[in-house]
Amino acid sequence: MDLVLEFKGGKMTGEGADGIGIFVISGNYSESSGECSWSKQYVGRHSVDYKGYQDGKGIWGGWMVGSGKGGFHIWPLSEGSVLNVAEVNVAEEVKTEEEQVGVTK
């Protein structure tokens, strides 16, 4: 997954692409509590809702699409070993999202 996020004035925005398609991010965050929530809207397709918290090393939380749900961890790209772990976690999330919305490859 390629993902760019921007945090400014309590608003969270971004864009990216994954195995399902191109998406945009729109949501909110709290600097004091570290909590955040957003929607990942695939262009011309479904959306996925996220809720999480920032712990100084990334954002942890859960996603929901229809009746399906799962967990996620997003962190800044810094070292090759972290990238490998991030790719595995994102791949598992995308596979589960596809299963929940009936996407077949």
N, C-alpha and C. Protein backbone atom coordinates (compact mmCIF):
# COMPACT_ATOMS: atom_id res chain seq x y z
N MET A 1 0.85 -1.18 0.00
CA MET A 1 0.00 0.00 0.00
C MET A 1 0.88 1.23 0.00
N ASP A 2 0.54 2.19 -0.82
CA ASP A 2 1.15 3.51 -0.79
C ASP A 2 0.14 4.44 -0.14
N LEU A 3 0.58 5.20 0.87
CA LEU A 3 -0.33 6.04 1.63
C LEU A 3 0.39 7.30 2.07
N VAL A 4 -0.27 8.44 1.87
CA VAL A 4 0.23 9.73 2.34
C VAL A 4 -0.85 10.32 3.23
N LEU A 5 -0.48 10.68 4.46
CA LEU A 5 -1.43 11.28 5.40
C LEU A 5 -0.94 12.67 5.81
N GLU A 6 -1.89 13.58 6.01
CA GLU A 6 -1.57 14.91 6.51
C GLU A 6 -2.48 15.20 7.71
N PHE A 7 -1.87 15.71 8.79
CA PHE A 7 -2.59 16.06 10.01
C PHE A 7 -2.43 17.55 10.23
N LYS A 8 -3.56 18.26 10.26
CA LYS A 8 -3.49 19.72 10.42
C LYS A 8 -4.78 20.22 11.05
N GLY A 9 -4.66 20.90 12.18
CA GLY A 9 -5.81 21.54 12.81
C GLY A 9 -6.95 20.59 13.15
N GLY A 10 -6.63 19.37 13.56
CA GLY A 10 -7.65 18.40 13.93
C GLY A 10 -8.24 17.63 12.77
N LYS A 11 -7.85 17.97 11.55
CA LYS A 11 -8.33 17.28 10.35
C LYS A 11 -7.24 16.35 9.82
N MET A 12 -7.67 15.21 9.35
CA MET A 12 -6.78 14.20 8.79
C MET A 12 -7.19 13.97 7.34
N THR A 13 -6.26 14.14 6.40
CA THR A 13 -6.56 13.93 4.99
C THR A 13 -5.44 13.09 4.38
N GLY A 14 -5.72 12.51 3.25
CA GLY A 14 -4.68 11.74 2.57
C GLY A 14 -5.20 11.06 1.32
N GLU A 15 -4.30 10.30 0.74
CA GLU A 15 -4.63 9.56 -0.47
C GLU A 15 -3.66 8.39 -0.60
N GLY A 16 -4.04 7.45 -1.43
CA GLY A 16 -3.17 6.32 -1.64
C GLY A 16 -3.76 5.31 -2.59
N ALA A 17 -3.11 4.16 -2.66
CA ALA A 17 -3.56 3.07 -3.51
C ALA A 17 -3.12 1.75 -2.88
N ASP A 18 -3.94 0.73 -3.08
CA ASP A 18 -3.61 -0.60 -2.61
C ASP A 18 -4.13 -1.63 -3.61
N GLY A 19 -4.18 -2.87 -3.23
CA GLY A 19 -4.62 -3.93 -4.12
C GLY A 19 -6.06 -3.82 -4.58
N ILE A 20 -6.86 -3.00 -3.91
CA ILE A 20 -8.26 -2.82 -4.29
C ILE A 20 -8.41 -1.66 -5.26
N GLY A 21 -7.66 -0.58 -5.04
CA GLY A 21 -7.75 0.57 -5.93
C GLY A 21 -7.20 1.84 -5.30
N ILE A 22 -7.51 2.96 -5.95
CA ILE A 22 -7.10 4.29 -5.48
C ILE A 22 -8.13 4.78 -4.48
N PHE A 23 -7.67 5.45 -3.41
CA PHE A 23 -8.59 5.93 -2.38
C PHE A 23 -8.17 7.29 -1.86
N VAL A 24 -9.12 7.96 -1.18
CA VAL A 24 -8.86 9.21 -0.47
C VAL A 24 -9.23 9.01 1.00
N ILE A 25 -8.54 9.72 1.86
CA ILE A 25 -8.75 9.65 3.31
C ILE A 25 -9.31 10.98 3.79
N SER A 26 -10.32 10.91 4.66
CA SER A 26 -10.89 12.11 5.27
C SER A 26 -11.33 11.77 6.68
N GLY A 27 -10.85 12.57 7.66
CA GLY A 27 -11.23 12.28 9.04
C GLY A 27 -10.76 13.33 10.01
N ASN A 28 -10.71 12.94 11.28
CA ASN A 28 -10.38 13.84 12.39
C ASN A 28 -9.41 13.17 13.35
N TYR A 29 -8.69 14.00 14.11
CA TYR A 29 -7.80 13.49 15.15
C TYR A 29 -7.76 14.46 16.31
N SER A 30 -7.36 13.94 17.46
CA SER A 30 -7.19 14.77 18.65
C SER A 30 -5.74 14.72 19.10
N GLU A 31 -5.09 15.87 19.15
CA GLU A 31 -3.70 15.92 19.61
C GLU A 31 -3.60 15.54 21.08
N SER A 32 -4.59 15.90 21.89
CA SER A 32 -4.52 15.64 23.33
C SER A 32 -4.69 14.17 23.67
N SER A 33 -5.63 13.48 23.02
CA SER A 33 -5.87 12.08 23.35
C SER A 33 -5.16 11.10 22.42
N GLY A 34 -4.77 11.57 21.23
CA GLY A 34 -4.15 10.69 20.25
C GLY A 34 -5.16 9.88 19.44
N GLU A 35 -6.45 10.05 19.73
CA GLU A 35 -7.49 9.29 19.02
C GLU A 35 -7.73 9.89 17.64
N CYS A 36 -8.09 9.02 16.69
CA CYS A 36 -8.41 9.48 15.35
C CYS A 36 -9.45 8.56 14.71
N SER A 37 -10.18 9.10 13.77
CA SER A 37 -11.16 8.31 13.01
C SER A 37 -11.22 8.88 11.61
N TRP A 38 -11.38 8.01 10.62
CA TRP A 38 -11.43 8.46 9.24
C TRP A 38 -12.12 7.44 8.37
N SER A 39 -12.39 7.88 7.16
CA SER A 39 -12.97 7.02 6.14
C SER A 39 -11.99 6.93 4.97
N LYS A 40 -11.79 5.73 4.48
CA LYS A 40 -10.98 5.51 3.28
C LYS A 40 -11.98 5.21 2.17
N GLN A 41 -12.15 6.14 1.26
CA GLN A 41 -13.13 6.02 0.17
C GLN A 41 -12.41 5.64 -1.11
N TYR A 42 -12.71 4.43 -1.59
CA TYR A 42 -12.16 4.01 -2.88
C TYR A 42 -12.90 4.74 -3.99
N VAL A 43 -12.18 5.23 -4.97
CA VAL A 43 -12.77 5.97 -6.08
C VAL A 43 -13.72 5.04 -6.85
N GLY A 44 -15.00 5.43 -6.88
CA GLY A 44 -16.01 4.66 -7.59
C GLY A 44 -16.37 3.33 -6.94
N ARG A 45 -16.01 3.16 -5.67
CA ARG A 45 -16.25 1.89 -4.99
C ARG A 45 -16.72 2.14 -3.56
N HIS A 46 -16.51 1.16 -2.71
CA HIS A 46 -16.94 1.20 -1.32
C HIS A 46 -15.98 2.03 -0.45
N SER A 47 -16.40 2.28 0.79
CA SER A 47 -15.55 2.96 1.76
C SER A 47 -15.31 2.05 2.96
N VAL A 48 -14.25 2.36 3.70
CA VAL A 48 -13.89 1.60 4.90
C VAL A 48 -13.71 2.61 6.03
N ASP A 49 -14.33 2.36 7.18
CA ASP A 49 -14.22 3.25 8.33
C ASP A 49 -13.13 2.76 9.27
N TYR A 50 -12.36 3.70 9.81
CA TYR A 50 -11.24 3.39 10.70
C TYR A 50 -11.36 4.19 11.99
N LYS A 51 -10.97 3.58 13.10
CA LYS A 51 -10.83 4.27 14.39
C LYS A 51 -9.54 3.77 15.01
N GLY A 52 -8.77 4.71 15.57
CA GLY A 52 -7.50 4.30 16.15
C GLY A 52 -6.94 5.33 17.09
N TYR A 53 -5.69 5.10 17.48
CA TYR A 53 -4.98 6.03 18.35
C TYR A 53 -3.51 6.03 17.99
N GLN A 54 -2.89 7.17 18.21
CA GLN A 54 -1.48 7.35 17.93
C GLN A 54 -0.72 7.10 19.21
N ASP A 55 0.35 6.28 19.13
CA ASP A 55 1.11 5.94 20.33
C ASP A 55 2.57 6.40 20.27
N GLY A 56 2.90 7.28 19.35
CA GLY A 56 4.28 7.76 19.22
C GLY A 56 5.09 6.91 18.25
N LYS A 57 4.62 5.73 17.91
CA LYS A 57 5.32 4.84 16.97
C LYS A 57 4.47 4.57 15.74
N GLY A 58 3.25 5.07 15.72
CA GLY A 58 2.35 4.85 14.60
C GLY A 58 0.91 4.97 15.06
N ILE A 59 0.00 4.47 14.23
CA ILE A 59 -1.42 4.49 14.56
C ILE A 59 -1.91 3.04 14.60
N TRP A 60 -2.56 2.67 15.69
CA TRP A 60 -3.14 1.33 15.87
C TRP A 60 -4.65 1.47 15.93
N GLY A 61 -5.35 0.44 15.52
CA GLY A 61 -6.80 0.50 15.66
C GLY A 61 -7.51 -0.58 14.89
N GLY A 62 -8.77 -0.27 14.54
CA GLY A 62 -9.60 -1.23 13.83
C GLY A 62 -10.32 -0.59 12.66
N TRP A 63 -10.66 -1.40 11.68
CA TRP A 63 -11.42 -0.95 10.52
C TRP A 63 -12.71 -1.73 10.43
N MET A 64 -13.68 -1.16 9.70
CA MET A 64 -14.97 -1.82 9.52
C MET A 64 -15.50 -1.51 8.13
N VAL A 65 -15.96 -2.56 7.44
CA VAL A 65 -16.62 -2.40 6.14
C VAL A 65 -17.80 -3.37 6.14
N GLY A 66 -19.01 -2.83 6.00
CA GLY A 66 -20.19 -3.69 6.11
C GLY A 66 -20.19 -4.35 7.48
N SER A 67 -20.34 -5.67 7.51
CA SER A 67 -20.30 -6.40 8.78
C SER A 67 -18.91 -6.93 9.07
N GLY A 68 -17.95 -6.68 8.20
CA GLY A 68 -16.58 -7.15 8.41
C GLY A 68 -15.75 -6.16 9.20
N LYS A 69 -14.78 -6.67 9.92
CA LYS A 69 -13.90 -5.80 10.69
C LYS A 69 -12.56 -6.48 10.89
N GLY A 70 -11.57 -5.67 11.24
CA GLY A 70 -10.23 -6.19 11.47
C GLY A 70 -9.37 -5.12 12.09
N GLY A 71 -8.10 -5.43 12.29
CA GLY A 71 -7.17 -4.50 12.92
C GLY A 71 -6.17 -3.96 11.92
N PHE A 72 -5.48 -2.90 12.32
CA PHE A 72 -4.44 -2.32 11.48
C PHE A 72 -3.37 -1.67 12.33
N HIS A 73 -2.24 -1.45 11.73
CA HIS A 73 -1.14 -0.67 12.30
C HIS A 73 -0.48 0.08 11.16
N ILE A 74 -0.41 1.38 11.26
CA ILE A 74 0.25 2.23 10.26
C ILE A 74 1.41 2.92 10.96
N TRP A 75 2.57 2.91 10.33
CA TRP A 75 3.70 3.64 10.89
C TRP A 75 4.54 4.22 9.77
N PRO A 76 5.33 5.25 10.10
CA PRO A 76 6.15 5.91 9.08
C PRO A 76 7.19 4.95 8.50
N LEU A 77 7.44 5.09 7.23
CA LEU A 77 8.46 4.31 6.55
C LEU A 77 9.81 4.83 6.99
N SER A 78 10.65 3.94 7.55
CA SER A 78 11.96 4.40 7.97
C SER A 78 13.06 3.39 7.65
N GLU A 79 12.84 2.11 7.92
CA GLU A 79 13.85 1.10 7.68
C GLU A 79 13.25 -0.08 6.93
N GLY A 80 14.06 -0.78 6.17
CA GLY A 80 13.61 -1.90 5.37
C GLY A 80 12.88 -2.97 6.16
N SER A 81 13.33 -3.28 7.38
CA SER A 81 12.67 -4.33 8.16
C SER A 81 11.25 -3.91 8.55
N VAL A 82 11.05 -2.63 8.84
CA VAL A 82 9.71 -2.14 9.17
C VAL A 82 8.81 -2.24 7.95
N LEU A 83 9.34 -1.91 6.77
CA LEU A 83 8.56 -1.98 5.54
C LEU A 83 8.06 -3.40 5.31
N ASN A 84 8.89 -4.40 5.51
CA ASN A 84 8.46 -5.78 5.31
C ASN A 84 7.30 -6.14 6.21
N VAL A 85 7.35 -5.77 7.47
CA VAL A 85 6.27 -6.05 8.41
C VAL A 85 5.02 -5.29 8.00
N ALA A 86 5.17 -4.01 7.61
CA ALA A 86 4.01 -3.20 7.20
C ALA A 86 3.34 -3.81 5.98
N GLU A 87 4.12 -4.29 5.03
CA GLU A 87 3.54 -4.89 3.83
C GLU A 87 2.71 -6.11 4.18
N VAL A 88 3.17 -6.93 5.11
CA VAL A 88 2.43 -8.12 5.51
C VAL A 88 1.12 -7.72 6.18
N ASN A 89 1.16 -6.77 7.12
CA ASN A 89 -0.05 -6.35 7.81
C ASN A 89 -1.07 -5.75 6.85
N VAL A 90 -0.63 -4.93 5.92
CA VAL A 90 -1.54 -4.31 4.97
C VAL A 90 -2.11 -5.35 4.03
N ALA A 91 -1.31 -6.30 3.58
CA ALA A 91 -1.80 -7.34 2.68
C ALA A 91 -2.89 -8.16 3.35
N GLU A 92 -2.75 -8.46 4.61
CA GLU A 92 -3.78 -9.21 5.33
C GLU A 92 -5.06 -8.39 5.43
N GLU A 93 -4.94 -7.08 5.67
CA GLU A 93 -6.11 -6.20 5.76
C GLU A 93 -6.84 -6.15 4.42
N VAL A 94 -6.11 -5.96 3.33
CA VAL A 94 -6.73 -5.85 2.02
C VAL A 94 -7.43 -7.14 1.65
N LYS A 95 -6.82 -8.27 1.92
CA LYS A 95 -7.44 -9.56 1.62
C LYS A 95 -8.77 -9.68 2.36
N THR A 96 -8.78 -9.31 3.61
CA THR A 96 -10.00 -9.41 4.41
C THR A 96 -11.06 -8.44 3.90
N GLU A 97 -10.68 -7.21 3.55
CA GLU A 97 -11.63 -6.25 2.99
C GLU A 97 -12.24 -6.80 1.72
N GLU A 98 -11.43 -7.36 0.84
CA GLU A 98 -11.94 -7.91 -0.41
C GLU A 98 -12.93 -9.02 -0.15
N GLU A 99 -12.64 -9.88 0.79
CA GLU A 99 -13.55 -10.97 1.13
C GLU A 99 -14.87 -10.42 1.64
N GLN A 100 -14.84 -9.35 2.44
CA GLN A 100 -16.05 -8.79 3.03
C GLN A 100 -16.95 -8.14 1.99
N VAL A 101 -16.40 -7.55 0.96
CA VAL A 101 -17.22 -6.86 -0.03
C VAL A 101 -17.41 -7.71 -1.29
N GLY A 102 -16.92 -8.95 -1.29
CA GLY A 102 -17.13 -9.87 -2.39
C GLY A 102 -16.29 -9.61 -3.60
N VAL A 103 -15.12 -8.99 -3.42
CA VAL A 103 -14.21 -8.76 -4.54
C VAL A 103 -13.47 -10.05 -4.86
N THR A 104 -13.41 -10.40 -6.11
CA THR A 104 -12.66 -11.58 -6.52
C THR A 104 -11.58 -11.18 -7.48
N LYS A 105 -10.48 -11.92 -7.44
CA LYS A 105 -9.36 -11.63 -8.35
C LYS A 105 -9.27 -12.70 -9.39
